[in-house]
Structure formats: C-alpha cells, structure tokens
C-alpha atoms as a PDB file:
ATOM      1  CA  MET A   1      75.318 -94.561  71.096  1.00  0.00           C
ATOM      2  CA  SER A   2      77.557 -93.179  68.743  1.00  0.00           C
ATOM      3  CA  THR A   3      76.487 -92.003  65.426  1.00  0.00           C
ATOM      4  CA  VAL A   4      75.950 -94.891  63.073  1.00  0.00           C
ATOM      5  CA  THR A   5      78.345 -94.694  59.778  1.00  0.00           C
ATOM      6  CA  ILE A   6      76.665 -95.584  56.767  1.00  0.00           C
ATOM      7  CA  ILE A   7      78.835 -97.149  53.623  1.00  0.00           C
ATOM      8  CA  GLY A   8      76.714 -97.613  50.620  1.00  0.00           C
ATOM      9  CA  ALA A   9      78.344-100.551  48.325  1.00  0.00           C
ATOM     10  CA  ALA A  10      76.661 -99.889  44.798  1.00  0.00           C
ATOM     11  CA  ILE A  11      77.319-103.062  43.094  1.00  0.00           C
ATOM     12  CA  GLY A  12      74.806-105.904  41.124  1.00  0.00           C
ATOM     13  CA  HIS A  13      77.428-107.667  39.222  1.00  0.00           C
ATOM     14  CA  GLY A  14      77.575-110.270  41.416  1.00  0.00           C
ATOM     15  CA  ALA A  15      73.741-111.258  40.982  1.00  0.00           C
ATOM     16  CA  GLY A  16      71.903-112.345  37.966  1.00  0.00           C
ATOM     17  CA  ASN A  17      69.800-108.987  37.793  1.00  0.00           C
ATOM     18  CA  ASN A  18      72.235-106.187  38.051  1.00  0.00           C
ATOM     19  CA  GLY A  19      69.481-103.666  39.490  1.00  0.00           C
ATOM     20  CA  THR A  20      70.958-103.902  42.868  1.00  0.00           C
ATOM     21  CA  CYS A  21      73.438-101.401  41.996  1.00  0.00           C
ATOM     22  CA  ASP A  22      71.095 -98.557  42.355  1.00  0.00           C
ATOM     23  CA  GLY A  23      69.950 -99.600  45.882  1.00  0.00           C
ATOM     24  CA  PRO A  24      71.632 -97.706  47.906  1.00  0.00           C
ATOM     25  CA  VAL A  25      71.865 -94.126  46.423  1.00  0.00           C
ATOM     26  CA  ALA A  26      68.048 -94.641  45.821  1.00  0.00           C
ATOM     27  CA  PHE A  27      67.443 -95.404  49.734  1.00  0.00           C
ATOM     28  CA  LYS A  28      69.739 -92.193  50.463  1.00  0.00           C
ATOM     29  CA  GLN A  29      67.624 -90.160  48.261  1.00  0.00           C
ATOM     30  CA  SER A  30      65.025 -91.386  49.942  1.00  0.00           C
ATOM     31  CA  ALA A  31      62.326 -89.476  52.371  1.00  0.00           C
ATOM     32  CA  GLN A  32      62.726 -93.212  54.557  1.00  0.00           C
ATOM     33  CA  PHE A  33      66.704 -92.177  55.378  1.00  0.00           C
ATOM     34  CA  ALA A  34      65.721 -88.365  55.450  1.00  0.00           C
ATOM     35  CA  ARG A  35      63.342 -89.171  58.854  1.00  0.00           C
ATOM     36  CA  LEU A  36      66.130 -91.401  60.525  1.00  0.00           C
ATOM     37  CA  SER A  37      68.538 -89.635  62.873  1.00  0.00           C
ATOM     38  CA  GLY A  38      71.533 -90.982  64.424  1.00  0.00           C
ATOM     39  CA  PHE A  39      72.830 -91.669  61.064  1.00  0.00           C
ATOM     40  CA  THR A  40      75.529 -90.109  58.883  1.00  0.00           C
ATOM     41  CA  TRP A  41      76.413 -91.837  55.178  1.00  0.00           C
ATOM     42  CA  ALA A  42      79.720 -91.258  54.892  1.00  0.00           C
ATOM     43  CA  ASP A  43      80.455 -92.990  51.305  1.00  0.00           C
ATOM     44  CA  THR A  44      78.879 -94.873  48.346  1.00  0.00           C
ATOM     45  CA  LEU A  45      81.749 -96.924  46.478  1.00  0.00           C
ATOM     46  CA  GLN A  46      80.865 -97.705  43.077  1.00  0.00           C
ATOM     47  CA  PRO A  47      82.170-100.941  40.859  1.00  0.00           C
ATOM     48  CA  ILE A  48      84.771-100.217  38.177  1.00  0.00           C
ATOM     49  CA  GLU A  49      84.316-102.031  35.315  1.00  0.00           C
ATOM     50  CA  LYS A  50      86.755-104.496  34.321  1.00  0.00           C
ATOM     51  CA  LYS A  51      87.108-107.196  32.083  1.00  0.00           C
ATOM     52  CA  ASP A  52      84.282-109.784  32.779  1.00  0.00           C
ATOM     53  CA  ASN A  53      81.856-109.560  36.193  1.00  0.00           C
ATOM     54  CA  PHE A  54      83.869-111.802  38.227  1.00  0.00           C
ATOM     55  CA  THR A  55      87.483-109.168  38.022  1.00  0.00           C
ATOM     56  CA  THR A  56      84.985-106.411  38.292  1.00  0.00           C
ATOM     57  CA  VAL A  57      83.190-108.126  41.590  1.00  0.00           C
ATOM     58  CA  VAL A  58      86.609-109.292  42.901  1.00  0.00           C
ATOM     59  CA  ALA A  59      88.461-105.375  42.780  1.00  0.00           C
ATOM     60  CA  PHE A  60      85.285-104.538  44.164  1.00  0.00           C
ATOM     61  CA  LEU A  61      85.627-106.578  47.692  1.00  0.00           C
ATOM     62  CA  ASN A  62      89.261-105.720  48.111  1.00  0.00           C
ATOM     63  CA  SER A  63      88.089-102.034  47.615  1.00  0.00           C
ATOM     64  CA  LEU A  64      85.052-102.405  50.407  1.00  0.00           C
ATOM     65  CA  TYR A  65      87.538-103.971  52.529  1.00  0.00           C
ATOM     66  CA  GLU A  66      89.761-101.214  52.750  1.00  0.00           C
ATOM     67  CA  LYS A  67      86.720 -99.156  53.117  1.00  0.00           C
ATOM     68  CA  MET A  68      85.723-100.838  56.244  1.00  0.00           C
ATOM     69  CA  LYS A  69      88.486-102.060  57.588  1.00  0.00           C
ATOM     70  CA  PRO A  70      89.097 -99.213  59.716  1.00  0.00           C
ATOM     71  CA  ILE A  71      85.491 -98.373  60.136  1.00  0.00           C
ATOM     72  CA  CYS A  72      85.767-101.804  62.355  1.00  0.00           C
ATOM     73  CA  GLU A  73      88.754-101.373  64.160  1.00  0.00           C
ATOM     74  CA  SER A  74      87.340 -97.912  65.165  1.00  0.00           C
ATOM     75  CA  GLY A  75      84.362-100.149  67.087  1.00  0.00           C
ATOM     76  CA  LYS A  76      82.025 -97.736  66.174  1.00  0.00           C
ATOM     77  CA  PRO A  77      78.665 -98.727  64.937  1.00  0.00           C
ATOM     78  CA  PHE A  78      77.930 -99.063  60.968  1.00  0.00           C
ATOM     79  CA  CYS A  79      75.809-100.205  58.449  1.00  0.00           C
ATOM     80  CA  VAL A  80      76.561-101.106  54.659  1.00  0.00           C
ATOM     81  CA  ILE A  81      73.465-100.705  52.463  1.00  0.00           C
ATOM     82  CA  GLY A  82      74.142-102.870  49.085  1.00  0.00           C
ATOM     83  CA  GLY A  83      74.294-103.794  46.447  1.00  0.00           C
ATOM     84  CA  ASP A  84      73.808-107.655  46.053  1.00  0.00           C
ATOM     85  CA  HIS A  85      75.270-109.909  48.815  1.00  0.00           C
ATOM     86  CA  SER A  86      78.691-110.325  47.166  1.00  0.00           C
ATOM     87  CA  ILE A  87      79.590-107.249  49.621  1.00  0.00           C
ATOM     88  CA  ALA A  88      79.245-109.624  52.674  1.00  0.00           C
ATOM     89  CA  ILE A  89      82.728-111.512  51.788  1.00  0.00           C
ATOM     90  CA  GLY A  90      84.000-107.800  51.786  1.00  0.00           C
ATOM     91  CA  THR A  91      82.405-106.000  55.223  1.00  0.00           C
ATOM     92  CA  TRP A  92      82.929-109.020  57.016  1.00  0.00           C
ATOM     93  CA  SER A  93      86.565-109.816  55.882  1.00  0.00           C
ATOM     94  CA  ALA A  94      87.332-106.268  56.963  1.00  0.00           C
ATOM     95  CA  ALA A  95      85.707-106.930  60.433  1.00  0.00           C
ATOM     96  CA  ALA A  96      87.165-110.560  60.937  1.00  0.00           C
ATOM     97  CA  ILE A  97      90.686-108.927  60.327  1.00  0.00           C
ATOM     98  CA  ALA A  98      90.047-105.613  62.506  1.00  0.00           C
ATOM     99  CA  LYS A  99      89.207-107.866  65.417  1.00  0.00           C
ATOM    100  CA  ARG A 100      91.595-110.848  64.961  1.00  0.00           C
ATOM    101  CA  GLU A 101      93.387-110.100  67.845  1.00  0.00           C
ATOM    102  CA  GLN A 102      90.385-110.275  70.026  1.00  0.00           C
ATOM    103  CA  GLY A 103      89.217-113.545  68.169  1.00  0.00           C
ATOM    104  CA  GLU A 104      86.559-114.799  65.927  1.00  0.00           C
ATOM    105  CA  ILE A 105      84.134-112.708  65.036  1.00  0.00           C
ATOM    106  CA  GLY A 106      80.265-114.290  65.053  1.00  0.00           C
ATOM    107  CA  LEU A 107      77.701-113.752  62.453  1.00  0.00           C
ATOM    108  CA  LEU A 108      74.022-113.557  61.753  1.00  0.00           C
ATOM    109  CA  TRP A 109      72.853-114.747  58.496  1.00  0.00           C
ATOM    110  CA  ILE A 110      69.113-113.799  57.561  1.00  0.00           C
ATOM    111  CA  ASP A 111      68.293-114.698  54.331  1.00  0.00           C
ATOM    112  CA  ALA A 112      65.982-116.840  52.367  1.00  0.00           C
ATOM    113  CA  HIS A 113      69.041-118.789  50.284  1.00  0.00           C
ATOM    114  CA  LEU A 114      72.113-120.628  52.043  1.00  0.00           C
ATOM    115  CA  ASP A 115      74.572-119.007  49.992  1.00  0.00           C
ATOM    116  CA  ALA A 116      77.185-121.417  50.543  1.00  0.00           C
ATOM    117  CA  HIS A 117      77.955-122.487  46.724  1.00  0.00           C
ATOM    118  CA  THR A 118      82.097-122.586  45.098  1.00  0.00           C
ATOM    119  CA  HIS A 119      82.378-121.789  41.464  1.00  0.00           C
ATOM    120  CA  GLU A 120      82.400-125.697  40.899  1.00  0.00           C
ATOM    121  CA  THR A 121      79.092-126.558  42.614  1.00  0.00           C
ATOM    122  CA  SER A 122      77.098-122.988  41.197  1.00  0.00           C
ATOM    123  CA  LEU A 123      75.273-123.787  38.202  1.00  0.00           C
ATOM    124  CA  SER A 124      74.998-119.337  37.678  1.00  0.00           C
ATOM    125  CA  GLY A 125      78.206-118.665  38.662  1.00  0.00           C
ATOM    126  CA  ASN A 126      76.676-115.832  40.322  1.00  0.00           C
ATOM    127  CA  ILE A 127      79.149-114.506  43.329  1.00  0.00           C
ATOM    128  CA  HIS A 128      76.298-113.187  45.195  1.00  0.00           C
ATOM    129  CA  GLY A 129      75.321-117.318  46.073  1.00  0.00           C
ATOM    130  CA  MET A 130      78.744-118.020  47.235  1.00  0.00           C
ATOM    131  CA  PRO A 131      79.559-115.135  50.236  1.00  0.00           C
ATOM    132  CA  VAL A 132      79.251-117.569  53.354  1.00  0.00           C
ATOM    133  CA  ALA A 133      81.311-120.666  51.606  1.00  0.00           C
ATOM    134  CA  ALA A 134      83.939-118.090  50.898  1.00  0.00           C
ATOM    135  CA  LEU A 135      83.652-116.524  54.359  1.00  0.00           C
ATOM    136  CA  LEU A 136      84.344-119.884  55.946  1.00  0.00           C
ATOM    137  CA  GLY A 137      87.550-120.498  53.484  1.00  0.00           C
ATOM    138  CA  ALA A 138      85.703-122.838  50.509  1.00  0.00           C
ATOM    139  CA  GLY A 139      85.946-121.384  46.919  1.00  0.00           C
ATOM    140  CA  VAL A 140      88.510-119.621  44.618  1.00  0.00           C
ATOM    141  CA  ASP A 141      91.436-117.865  46.100  1.00  0.00           C
ATOM    142  CA  GLU A 142      90.079-114.390  44.733  1.00  0.00           C
ATOM    143  CA  LEU A 143      87.180-114.187  47.030  1.00  0.00           C
ATOM    144  CA  THR A 144      88.682-116.516  50.047  1.00  0.00           C
ATOM    145  CA  GLN A 145      91.718-114.555  50.307  1.00  0.00           C
ATOM    146  CA  VAL A 146      89.938-111.064  50.548  1.00  0.00           C
ATOM    147  CA  GLY A 147      92.135-109.163  53.066  1.00  0.00           C
ATOM    148  CA  ASP A 148      94.406-112.165  53.690  1.00  0.00           C
ATOM    149  CA  ARG A 149      94.308-116.311  53.496  1.00  0.00           C
ATOM    150  CA  THR A 150      92.679-116.976  57.151  1.00  0.00           C
ATOM    151  CA  PRO A 151      89.121-118.331  56.620  1.00  0.00           C
ATOM    152  CA  LYS A 152      86.635-115.010  58.202  1.00  0.00           C
ATOM    153  CA  LEU A 153      84.343-116.597  60.032  1.00  0.00           C
ATOM    154  CA  ALA A 154      84.346-120.129  62.294  1.00  0.00           C
ATOM    155  CA  PRO A 155      81.358-122.481  61.765  1.00  0.00           C
ATOM    156  CA  ASP A 156      80.670-122.295  65.232  1.00  0.00           C
ATOM    157  CA  TYR A 157      79.940-118.830  64.963  1.00  0.00           C
ATOM    158  CA  LEU A 158      77.897-118.584  62.319  1.00  0.00           C
ATOM    159  CA  ALA A 159      73.685-118.312  62.729  1.00  0.00           C
ATOM    160  CA  LYS A 160      71.654-118.513  59.098  1.00  0.00           C
ATOM    161  CA  VAL A 161      67.975-117.768  59.541  1.00  0.00           C
ATOM    162  CA  GLY A 162      64.569-117.755  57.483  1.00  0.00           C
ATOM    163  CA  ILE A 163      66.403-120.198  54.548  1.00  0.00           C
ATOM    164  CA  ARG A 164      63.645-122.067  52.143  1.00  0.00           C
ATOM    165  CA  SER A 165      65.593-122.076  48.630  1.00  0.00           C
ATOM    166  CA  PHE A 166      69.085-124.014  48.074  1.00  0.00           C
ATOM    167  CA  GLU A 167      70.373-126.255  46.051  1.00  0.00           C
ATOM    168  CA  GLN A 168      71.784-129.698  47.169  1.00  0.00           C
ATOM    169  CA  ALA A 169      75.467-128.981  46.626  1.00  0.00           C
ATOM    170  CA  GLU A 170      75.399-125.971  49.069  1.00  0.00           C
ATOM    171  CA  HIS A 171      73.132-127.679  51.484  1.00  0.00           C
ATOM    172  CA  LYS A 172      75.617-130.638  51.651  1.00  0.00           C
ATOM    173  CA  LEU A 173      78.481-128.148  52.634  1.00  0.00           C
ATOM    174  CA  ASN A 174      76.088-126.227  55.281  1.00  0.00           C
ATOM    175  CA  LYS A 175      75.230-129.977  56.695  1.00  0.00           C
ATOM    176  CA  GLU A 176      78.970-130.975  56.425  1.00  0.00           C
ATOM    177  CA  LEU A 177      79.888-127.555  58.189  1.00  0.00           C
ATOM    178  CA  GLY A 178      77.045-128.207  60.853  1.00  0.00           C
ATOM    179  CA  LEU A 179      76.115-124.688  60.742  1.00  0.00           C
ATOM    180  CA  THR A 180      73.353-123.650  62.621  1.00  0.00           C
ATOM    181  CA  THR A 181      70.617-122.994  60.600  1.00  0.00           C
ATOM    182  CA  TYR A 182      66.983-122.146  60.813  1.00  0.00           C
ATOM    183  CA  TYR A 183      65.061-122.807  57.807  1.00  0.00           C
ATOM    184  CA  MET A 184      61.490-121.131  57.432  1.00  0.00           C
ATOM    185  CA  ASP A 185      59.279-124.141  58.305  1.00  0.00           C
ATOM    186  CA  GLU A 186      61.285-123.991  61.576  1.00  0.00           C
ATOM    187  CA  VAL A 187      60.896-120.065  61.741  1.00  0.00           C
ATOM    188  CA  GLU A 188      56.742-120.629  61.585  1.00  0.00           C
ATOM    189  CA  ASN A 189      56.749-123.543  63.988  1.00  0.00           C
ATOM    190  CA  LEU A 190      59.272-121.839  66.841  1.00  0.00           C
ATOM    191  CA  GLY A 191      58.524-118.094  66.372  1.00  0.00           C
ATOM    192  CA  VAL A 192      60.949-115.382  64.736  1.00  0.00           C
ATOM    193  CA  GLY A 193      61.515-113.871  68.267  1.00  0.00           C
ATOM    194  CA  SER A 194      62.581-117.263  69.629  1.00  0.00           C
ATOM    195  CA  VAL A 195      64.748-118.410  66.195  1.00  0.00           C
ATOM    196  CA  ILE A 196      66.669-114.976  66.102  1.00  0.00           C
ATOM    197  CA  GLY A 197      67.101-115.016  69.921  1.00  0.00           C
ATOM    198  CA  ALA A 198      68.828-118.496  69.976  1.00  0.00           C
ATOM    199  CA  SER A 199      70.586-117.478  66.779  1.00  0.00           C
ATOM    200  CA  LEU A 200      72.061-114.349  68.595  1.00  0.00           C
ATOM    201  CA  SER A 201      73.430-117.014  71.343  1.00  0.00           C
ATOM    202  CA  VAL A 202      74.715-118.814  69.155  1.00  0.00           C
ATOM    203  CA  VAL A 203      76.901-115.951  67.043  1.00  0.00           C
ATOM    204  CA  GLY A 204      77.047-113.644  70.821  1.00  0.00           C
ATOM    205  CA  ARG A 205      79.342-116.378  71.942  1.00  0.00           C
ATOM    206  CA  ALA A 206      82.111-115.349  69.321  1.00  0.00           C
ATOM    207  CA  PRO A 207      85.149-113.925  71.143  1.00  0.00           C
ATOM    208  CA  ALA A 208      85.246-110.609  69.102  1.00  0.00           C
ATOM    209  CA  GLY A 209      81.810-109.861  68.576  1.00  0.00           C
ATOM    210  CA  PHE A 210      79.627-110.188  66.091  1.00  0.00           C
ATOM    211  CA  GLY A 211      77.396-108.863  63.272  1.00  0.00           C
ATOM    212  CA  ILE A 212      74.292-109.142  61.180  1.00  0.00           C
ATOM    213  CA  SER A 213      74.091-109.695  57.753  1.00  0.00           C
ATOM    214  CA  ILE A 214      70.261-109.280  56.467  1.00  0.00           C
ATOM    215  CA  ASP A 215      69.127-110.320  52.585  1.00  0.00           C
ATOM    216  CA  LEU A 216      65.967-108.716  52.318  1.00  0.00           C
ATOM    217  CA  ASP A 217      64.562-111.512  50.249  1.00  0.00           C
ATOM    218  CA  GLY A 218      64.721-113.237  53.939  1.00  0.00           C
ATOM    219  CA  LEU A 219      61.866-111.264  54.470  1.00  0.00           C
ATOM    220  CA  ASP A 220      58.517-111.548  53.015  1.00  0.00           C
ATOM    221  CA  PRO A 221      57.840-110.252  49.594  1.00  0.00           C
ATOM    222  CA  SER A 222      54.484-108.151  50.843  1.00  0.00           C
ATOM    223  CA  ASP A 223      57.390-106.162  53.176  1.00  0.00           C
ATOM    224  CA  ALA A 224      60.210-106.347  50.994  1.00  0.00           C
ATOM    225  CA  PRO A 225      58.756-107.132  47.373  1.00  0.00           C
ATOM    226  CA  GLY A 226      61.703-104.906  45.849  1.00  0.00           C
ATOM    227  CA  VAL A 227      64.447-107.453  45.920  1.00  0.00           C
ATOM    228  CA  GLY A 228      67.158-109.481  43.619  1.00  0.00           C
ATOM    229  CA  THR A 229      65.576-112.825  44.063  1.00  0.00           C
ATOM    230  CA  ALA A 230      62.197-112.802  45.591  1.00  0.00           C
ATOM    231  CA  VAL A 231      61.092-116.058  47.665  1.00  0.00           C
ATOM    232  CA  GLU A 232      57.646-116.295  49.024  1.00  0.00           C
ATOM    233  CA  ARG A 233      56.893-117.205  52.530  1.00  0.00           C
ATOM    234  CA  GLY A 234      59.395-115.165  54.122  1.00  0.00           C
ATOM    235  CA  ILE A 235      59.895-113.538  57.707  1.00  0.00           C
ATOM    236  CA  ALA A 236      57.688-110.778  58.594  1.00  0.00           C
ATOM    237  CA  LEU A 237      59.132-107.633  58.938  1.00  0.00           C
ATOM    238  CA  ALA A 238      57.394-106.701  62.668  1.00  0.00           C
ATOM    239  CA  PRO A 239      58.325-109.862  64.836  1.00  0.00           C
ATOM    240  CA  LEU A 240      61.716-109.403  63.218  1.00  0.00           C
ATOM    241  CA  CYS A 241      62.109-105.851  64.355  1.00  0.00           C
ATOM    242  CA  ASP A 242      61.044-106.990  67.630  1.00  0.00           C
ATOM    243  CA  ALA A 243      63.418-109.599  67.846  1.00  0.00           C
ATOM    244  CA  LEU A 244      66.310-107.337  66.845  1.00  0.00           C
ATOM    245  CA  ARG A 245      65.484-104.190  68.953  1.00  0.00           C
ATOM    246  CA  GLY A 246      68.261-102.196  70.224  1.00  0.00           C
ATOM    247  CA  VAL A 247      70.820-104.959  69.420  1.00  0.00           C
ATOM    248  CA  GLY A 248      72.919-102.389  68.133  1.00  0.00           C
ATOM    249  CA  ARG A 249      73.444-101.060  71.976  1.00  0.00           C
ATOM    250  CA  HIS A 250      75.043-104.744  72.723  1.00  0.00           C
ATOM    251  CA  PRO A 251      78.683-103.935  73.786  1.00  0.00           C
ATOM    252  CA  ARG A 252      80.160-106.486  71.332  1.00  0.00           C
ATOM    253  CA  PHE A 253      77.783-105.506  68.793  1.00  0.00           C
ATOM    254  CA  ILE A 254      80.081-104.997  65.209  1.00  0.00           C
ATOM    255  CA  GLY A 255      77.707-104.158  62.368  1.00  0.00           C
ATOM    256  CA  LEU A 256      74.980-104.257  60.229  1.00  0.00           C
ATOM    257  CA  GLU A 257      74.739-105.129  56.870  1.00  0.00           C
ATOM    258  CA  ILE A 258      71.502-104.927  54.479  1.00  0.00           C
ATOM    259  CA  VAL A 259      71.657-106.105  50.894  1.00  0.00           C
ATOM    260  CA  GLU A 260      69.961-107.081  47.576  1.00  0.00           C
ATOM    261  CA  PHE A 261      67.517-103.893  47.814  1.00  0.00           C
ATOM    262  CA  ASN A 262      66.485-103.840  43.609  1.00  0.00           C
ATOM    263  CA  PRO A 263      64.409-100.056  43.816  1.00  0.00           C
ATOM    264  CA  HIS A 264      63.430-100.765  40.158  1.00  0.00           C
ATOM    265  CA  LEU A 265      61.065-103.845  41.354  1.00  0.00           C
ATOM    266  CA  ASP A 266      59.711-102.261  44.478  1.00  0.00           C
ATOM    267  CA  LYS A 267      56.276-101.409  45.326  1.00  0.00           C
ATOM    268  CA  GLU A 268      54.682 -98.527  46.916  1.00  0.00           C
ATOM    269  CA  ALA A 269      58.381 -97.401  48.334  1.00  0.00           C
ATOM    270  CA  ARG A 270      57.411-100.881  50.940  1.00  0.00           C
ATOM    271  CA  THR A 271      61.104-102.238  50.073  1.00  0.00           C
ATOM    272  CA  LEU A 272      62.322 -98.094  51.273  1.00  0.00           C
ATOM    273  CA  GLU A 273      60.180 -98.572  54.538  1.00  0.00           C
ATOM    274  CA  THR A 274      61.345-101.719  55.646  1.00  0.00           C
ATOM    275  CA  ILE A 275      65.083-100.581  55.256  1.00  0.00           C
ATOM    276  CA  ALA A 276      64.781 -97.767  57.213  1.00  0.00           C
ATOM    277  CA  THR A 277      62.207 -99.640  59.514  1.00  0.00           C
ATOM    278  CA  LEU A 278      65.158-102.441  60.359  1.00  0.00           C
ATOM    279  CA  LEU A 279      68.099 -99.434  60.663  1.00  0.00           C
ATOM    280  CA  GLU A 280      65.339 -97.938  63.607  1.00  0.00           C
ATOM    281  CA  ALA A 281      64.744-101.142  65.417  1.00  0.00           C
ATOM    282  CA  VAL A 282      68.561-102.560  65.514  1.00  0.00           C
ATOM    283  CA  PHE A 283      69.976 -99.123  66.552  1.00  0.00           C
ATOM    284  CA  GLU A 284      67.029 -98.110  69.053  1.00  0.00           C
ATOM    285  CA  GLN A 285      67.994 -95.672  71.444  1.00  0.00           C
ATOM    286  CA  GLY A 286      68.038 -96.849  75.069  1.00  0.00           C
ATOM    287  CA  ASP A 287      66.471 -94.933  77.601  1.00  0.00           C
END
C-alpha cells in the first residue's frame, strides 16, 4: 500500500472548547507518531481568525476542501487528524466531489453523538454538532455548499456507530432520513465486531468507495480521555481495532478521519496511544 498522507486540521472553533485546535500538532510531535512507519505528515492547516467563530469555521472548511480534493482525486490513502468534528464537512465534501463521476461515497461515522443538528435546532450553535446534517444537505448554505451545491452524502450509504448522546431534534432528522444507526446499547448487545461489520457492508455498497470518520468521544473514556466532549460507556479500543484491522487495504477505501483530540485533557498519553493504535490497525499492511 502507498504511504498514507496525513493532514492536520488544527481548529477548535466549531466546538464549545477550543482545545482541540492543539490536537494535530500534539500528535505530530508525540513519541506515538514517531514510532509509526508508512505515514507522511504533509501539512497542518491553521484557521485564520475572522469576525466570529462561524465565519472562521466556514473559511477553514473551504481551505480544507481545497487541500483535500486533489489528495482524494489521486486515490492515495489519507488520514485527516483534527481538530473538532466540523472538519468532516471539508474532508468529505472533497472526497464526494472528487469521486462524483463514479457515483456516491459511503461513510462510517463512529461517534457518541448524532451530529445531525442544524442552526435551527442547535441550542449551542456549535458547528461540530452539525456535520452529518450539512453533508446530507440540511442546514445553512455556508455549510451545505462547501465545494458545490449538491449534498455530499446519501442516507443509504451512511452508518453511525456508538451513539449515546443526542437531542430530540437531531434524532428526528436521523429517523426521517432512515439512517443506519447503532446506538451504544446495540453495540454492547451485538458486539463491536458484528456492528462494525454490518456498518461496513452498508457504506461499502456506495459506488464510489467509502471512508471512516472517528470521533474519539465514540470510544470509552478509559481509552480516550483527551476529547472535546467525553461521554461514558463508549466503544472499547481493542475490539474496535480488531474490527477495523486492515480496512485501509480495501480497494475502495478512500480515507480516514480522526477528530476531537484535546491534548489538554489527555491522561498518561492514553489518547495519543489510541490515535496511533487506530492508525496502525486501519492501515495495517498485509502479508
């Protein structure tokens, strides 16, 4: 497999806590990253402060889109390290538009949250709670039209895993669109491997390939304490890595995104270790 290109997306303006802006650099400078082989850190994008958080985030999303589109067009494997989860709008808009001639892309969304708010439903106004809605075409134009006016994801090829914290309004949108969603109770009952396998089958049906977006708060806080919004009872790291092992070798795999690392809240470098372990598992080389 080709060397994996890593792009840092160092923004926290889409969240209530700006600490995730320091996540990419903290990981790049860590011993955990230094031990990895087969990865090239190509660039780290920084936000340019605008008049308010919304304008800053929108400008950043468009910059990330411009950076990621040629990488996605190249067909080479990549990983985007965030930063808050608003960056998914830039990452997967680039992938969707780059692959559009082949059809729609699929996306496996591992997260504690539904991230299906719009500005009309969000109590906080934080954009990191809106990327799924925006990618599906719901919300304000500035978020839904990054790259172009067409929705970037189709409900049929999106699967969410690990959900355990959400508001009624976004749950309503999630149900209306019929999104494949495995709440944490189901993950515990069915097993991580079974749920991830079923979800990969859903996203893998997309004609243009599929990607994975991992919000570290989807994992159990014992494995990932350094996150923007921790939620108890998450997915254990070991079975998740087993379920995702080698998926980066799939011929239709597009790329990986890992978000919401807040180094200021990490404990004993556990979250740094988790990021490195996820990268090793997803992009594990074959025999």
